[in-house]
């Protein structure tokens, strides 16, 4: 890291290139941790995703939009987790993305993609609990 030390003031100034290196390191550490969390989430989310057809066992559950939305949210969660990992690493490491100044920010933001499933699934589950008395039909 290129640091400039001023002996008169005792302060250390950081050059712009070292700031880019620090941002890159922080982004890559964040992406590594997010990748571990998302892969674990995808593996854990496979079992509920496989069980989503059971939500439609009761009569009339296919006509309930909250049940359909919740089932789609649960079923697509592992896919979205893996997609978020792939897209975030591609955004961070592809040379064509390096010309964009905020590509590390975009890469870190893409790791939040599964939050859409969580929010939509939570709202659908709240809808089921409040308006349907907790029943899928």
C-alpha atoms as a PDB file:
ATOM      1  CA  UNK A   1       0.000   0.000   0.000  1.00  0.00           C
ATOM      2  CA  UNK A   2       1.462   3.358  -0.995  1.00  0.00           C
ATOM      3  CA  UNK A   3       1.380   5.696   1.974  1.00  0.00           C
ATOM      4  CA  UNK A   4       2.890   9.136   2.114  1.00  0.00           C
ATOM      5  CA  UNK A   5       4.223  10.209   5.512  1.00  0.00           C
ATOM      6  CA  UNK A   6       4.596  13.900   6.346  1.00  0.00           C
ATOM      7  CA  UNK A   7       7.267  14.283   9.055  1.00  0.00           C
ATOM      8  CA  UNK A   8       6.173  17.847   9.926  1.00  0.00           C
ATOM      9  CA  UNK A   9       2.569  17.016  10.792  1.00  0.00           C
ATOM     10  CA  UNK A  10       3.016  13.360  11.625  1.00  0.00           C
ATOM     11  CA  UNK A  11       0.097  12.434   9.360  1.00  0.00           C
ATOM     12  CA  UNK A  12      -0.009   9.662   6.817  1.00  0.00           C
ATOM     13  CA  UNK A  13      -1.769  10.286   3.517  1.00  0.00           C
ATOM     14  CA  UNK A  14      -3.070   7.423   1.446  1.00  0.00           C
ATOM     15  CA  UNK A  15      -2.710   7.601  -2.318  1.00  0.00           C
ATOM     16  CA  UNK A  16      -5.762   7.047  -4.566  1.00  0.00           C
ATOM     17  CA  UNK A  17      -4.368   3.761  -5.876  1.00  0.00           C
ATOM     18  CA  UNK A  18      -4.068   2.356  -2.380  1.00  0.00           C
ATOM     19  CA  UNK A  19      -7.672   3.389  -1.693  1.00  0.00           C
ATOM     20  CA  UNK A  20      -8.763   1.335  -4.706  1.00  0.00           C
ATOM     21  CA  UNK A  21      -6.786  -1.633  -3.425  1.00  0.00           C
ATOM     22  CA  UNK A  22      -8.408  -1.359   0.008  1.00  0.00           C
ATOM     23  CA  UNK A  23     -11.893  -1.128  -1.550  1.00  0.00           C
ATOM     24  CA  UNK A  24     -11.132  -4.184  -3.677  1.00  0.00           C
ATOM     25  CA  UNK A  25      -9.948  -6.184  -0.662  1.00  0.00           C
ATOM     26  CA  UNK A  26     -12.991  -5.220   1.401  1.00  0.00           C
ATOM     27  CA  UNK A  27     -15.339  -6.078  -1.472  1.00  0.00           C
ATOM     28  CA  UNK A  28     -13.691  -9.451  -2.062  1.00  0.00           C
ATOM     29  CA  UNK A  29     -13.807 -10.325   1.645  1.00  0.00           C
ATOM     30  CA  UNK A  30     -17.487  -9.333   1.731  1.00  0.00           C
ATOM     31  CA  UNK A  31     -18.180 -11.422  -1.379  1.00  0.00           C
ATOM     32  CA  UNK A  32     -16.402 -14.434   0.112  1.00  0.00           C
ATOM     33  CA  UNK A  33     -18.423 -14.254   3.349  1.00  0.00           C
ATOM     34  CA  UNK A  34     -21.656 -13.649   1.417  1.00  0.00           C
ATOM     35  CA  UNK A  35     -20.866 -16.604  -0.847  1.00  0.00           C
ATOM     36  CA  UNK A  36     -20.470 -18.920   2.120  1.00  0.00           C
ATOM     37  CA  UNK A  37     -23.737 -17.697   3.640  1.00  0.00           C
ATOM     38  CA  UNK A  38     -25.657 -17.924   0.350  1.00  0.00           C
ATOM     39  CA  UNK A  39     -24.388 -21.408  -0.481  1.00  0.00           C
ATOM     40  CA  UNK A  40     -25.405 -22.589   2.988  1.00  0.00           C
ATOM     41  CA  UNK A  41     -28.790 -20.892   2.454  1.00  0.00           C
ATOM     42  CA  UNK A  42     -29.197 -22.633  -0.890  1.00  0.00           C
ATOM     43  CA  UNK A  43     -28.360 -26.042   0.552  1.00  0.00           C
ATOM     44  CA  UNK A  44     -30.687 -25.548   3.524  1.00  0.00           C
ATOM     45  CA  UNK A  45     -33.410 -24.116   1.255  1.00  0.00           C
ATOM     46  CA  UNK A  46     -33.532 -27.167  -0.988  1.00  0.00           C
ATOM     47  CA  UNK A  47     -35.600 -29.228   1.469  1.00  0.00           C
ATOM     48  CA  UNK A  48     -38.407 -26.635   1.857  1.00  0.00           C
ATOM     49  CA  UNK A  49     -38.301 -26.080  -1.911  1.00  0.00           C
ATOM     50  CA  UNK A  50     -38.837 -29.776  -2.538  1.00  0.00           C
ATOM     51  CA  UNK A  51     -41.762 -29.800  -0.100  1.00  0.00           C
ATOM     52  CA  UNK A  52     -43.637 -26.862  -1.703  1.00  0.00           C
ATOM     53  CA  UNK A  53     -46.034 -29.114  -3.675  1.00  0.00           C
ATOM     54  CA  UNK A  54     -47.429 -30.251  -0.326  1.00  0.00           C
ATOM     55  CA  UNK A  55     -48.847 -26.746   0.154  1.00  0.00           C
ATOM     56  CA  UNK A  56     -51.340 -27.469  -2.599  1.00  0.00           C
ATOM     57  CA  UNK A  57     -52.785 -30.660  -1.046  1.00  0.00           C
ATOM     58  CA  UNK A  58     -55.813 -28.961   0.469  1.00  0.00           C
ATOM     59  CA  UNK A  59     -58.736 -28.222  -1.841  1.00  0.00           C
ATOM     60  CA  UNK A  60     -58.862 -24.665  -3.098  1.00  0.00           C
ATOM     61  CA  UNK A  61     -55.243 -23.856  -2.335  1.00  0.00           C
ATOM     62  CA  UNK A  62     -54.410 -23.392  -6.018  1.00  0.00           C
ATOM     63  CA  UNK A  63     -56.928 -20.549  -6.196  1.00  0.00           C
ATOM     64  CA  UNK A  64     -55.367 -18.744  -3.236  1.00  0.00           C
ATOM     65  CA  UNK A  65     -52.850 -16.187  -4.575  1.00  0.00           C
ATOM     66  CA  UNK A  66     -51.026 -15.941  -1.234  1.00  0.00           C
ATOM     67  CA  UNK A  67     -50.317 -19.667  -1.244  1.00  0.00           C
ATOM     68  CA  UNK A  68     -49.061 -19.557  -4.825  1.00  0.00           C
ATOM     69  CA  UNK A  69     -46.821 -16.548  -4.106  1.00  0.00           C
ATOM     70  CA  UNK A  70     -45.437 -18.174  -0.960  1.00  0.00           C
ATOM     71  CA  UNK A  71     -44.799 -21.467  -2.770  1.00  0.00           C
ATOM     72  CA  UNK A  72     -43.001 -19.709  -5.622  1.00  0.00           C
ATOM     73  CA  UNK A  73     -40.923 -17.722  -3.158  1.00  0.00           C
ATOM     74  CA  UNK A  74     -39.855 -20.845  -1.263  1.00  0.00           C
ATOM     75  CA  UNK A  75     -39.310 -22.932  -4.397  1.00  0.00           C
ATOM     76  CA  UNK A  76     -37.077 -20.381  -6.123  1.00  0.00           C
ATOM     77  CA  UNK A  77     -35.009 -19.417  -3.060  1.00  0.00           C
ATOM     78  CA  UNK A  78     -32.115 -21.885  -3.643  1.00  0.00           C
ATOM     79  CA  UNK A  79     -31.942 -20.938  -7.314  1.00  0.00           C
ATOM     80  CA  UNK A  80     -31.840 -17.243  -6.485  1.00  0.00           C
ATOM     81  CA  UNK A  81     -29.091 -17.838  -3.894  1.00  0.00           C
ATOM     82  CA  UNK A  82     -26.861 -19.586  -6.436  1.00  0.00           C
ATOM     83  CA  UNK A  83     -27.707 -16.993  -9.091  1.00  0.00           C
ATOM     84  CA  UNK A  84     -26.761 -14.189  -6.690  1.00  0.00           C
ATOM     85  CA  UNK A  85     -23.381 -15.801  -6.008  1.00  0.00           C
ATOM     86  CA  UNK A  86     -22.632 -16.267  -9.708  1.00  0.00           C
ATOM     87  CA  UNK A  87     -23.738 -12.777 -10.713  1.00  0.00           C
ATOM     88  CA  UNK A  88     -21.903 -11.057  -7.876  1.00  0.00           C
ATOM     89  CA  UNK A  89     -18.592 -12.771  -8.648  1.00  0.00           C
ATOM     90  CA  UNK A  90     -18.973 -12.147 -12.375  1.00  0.00           C
ATOM     91  CA  UNK A  91     -19.666  -8.482 -11.710  1.00  0.00           C
ATOM     92  CA  UNK A  92     -16.653  -8.201  -9.422  1.00  0.00           C
ATOM     93  CA  UNK A  93     -14.099 -10.064 -11.518  1.00  0.00           C
ATOM     94  CA  UNK A  94     -14.967  -9.689 -15.190  1.00  0.00           C
ATOM     95  CA  UNK A  95     -12.536  -7.308 -16.902  1.00  0.00           C
ATOM     96  CA  UNK A  96     -15.335  -5.705 -18.913  1.00  0.00           C
ATOM     97  CA  UNK A  97     -16.981  -4.588 -15.653  1.00  0.00           C
ATOM     98  CA  UNK A  98     -13.759  -2.958 -14.409  1.00  0.00           C
ATOM     99  CA  UNK A  99     -14.416   0.128 -16.505  1.00  0.00           C
ATOM    100  CA  UNK A 100     -17.439   0.937 -14.339  1.00  0.00           C
ATOM    101  CA  UNK A 101     -16.331   2.771 -11.189  1.00  0.00           C
ATOM    102  CA  UNK A 102     -18.934   1.168  -8.915  1.00  0.00           C
ATOM    103  CA  UNK A 103     -18.641  -2.449 -10.041  1.00  0.00           C
ATOM    104  CA  UNK A 104     -17.615  -3.651  -6.578  1.00  0.00           C
ATOM    105  CA  UNK A 105     -20.625  -1.899  -5.079  1.00  0.00           C
ATOM    106  CA  UNK A 106     -22.885  -3.574  -7.638  1.00  0.00           C
ATOM    107  CA  UNK A 107     -21.278  -6.942  -6.918  1.00  0.00           C
ATOM    108  CA  UNK A 108     -21.896  -6.581  -3.184  1.00  0.00           C
ATOM    109  CA  UNK A 109     -25.455  -5.383  -3.830  1.00  0.00           C
ATOM    110  CA  UNK A 110     -26.241  -8.434  -5.966  1.00  0.00           C
ATOM    111  CA  UNK A 111     -25.609 -10.686  -2.974  1.00  0.00           C
ATOM    112  CA  UNK A 112     -28.803  -9.244  -1.477  1.00  0.00           C
ATOM    113  CA  UNK A 113     -30.911 -10.664  -4.293  1.00  0.00           C
ATOM    114  CA  UNK A 114     -32.342 -13.516  -2.143  1.00  0.00           C
ATOM    115  CA  UNK A 115     -33.762 -10.903   0.229  1.00  0.00           C
ATOM    116  CA  UNK A 116     -36.457 -10.309  -2.379  1.00  0.00           C
ATOM    117  CA  UNK A 117     -37.597 -13.918  -1.924  1.00  0.00           C
ATOM    118  CA  UNK A 118     -37.480 -13.605   1.853  1.00  0.00           C
ATOM    119  CA  UNK A 119     -39.521 -10.378   1.889  1.00  0.00           C
ATOM    120  CA  UNK A 120     -42.111 -11.588  -0.618  1.00  0.00           C
ATOM    121  CA  UNK A 121     -42.384 -14.964   1.127  1.00  0.00           C
ATOM    122  CA  UNK A 122     -42.738 -13.280   4.513  1.00  0.00           C
ATOM    123  CA  UNK A 123     -45.464 -10.972   3.237  1.00  0.00           C
ATOM    124  CA  UNK A 124     -47.309 -13.894   1.636  1.00  0.00           C
ATOM    125  CA  UNK A 125     -47.023 -15.903   4.848  1.00  0.00           C
ATOM    126  CA  UNK A 126     -48.347 -12.946   6.850  1.00  0.00           C
ATOM    127  CA  UNK A 127     -51.229 -12.680   4.369  1.00  0.00           C
ATOM    128  CA  UNK A 128     -51.977 -16.383   4.875  1.00  0.00           C
ATOM    129  CA  UNK A 129     -51.775 -16.071   8.650  1.00  0.00           C
ATOM    130  CA  UNK A 130     -53.922 -12.933   8.934  1.00  0.00           C
ATOM    131  CA  UNK A 131     -56.554 -13.349   6.222  1.00  0.00           C
ATOM    132  CA  UNK A 132     -56.754 -17.135   5.881  1.00  0.00           C
ATOM    133  CA  UNK A 133     -56.385 -18.111   9.497  1.00  0.00           C
ATOM    134  CA  UNK A 134     -53.118 -19.905   8.766  1.00  0.00           C
ATOM    135  CA  UNK A 135     -54.621 -22.258   6.178  1.00  0.00           C
ATOM    136  CA  UNK A 136     -53.259 -22.508   2.645  1.00  0.00           C
ATOM    137  CA  UNK A 137     -56.729 -22.874   1.104  1.00  0.00           C
END
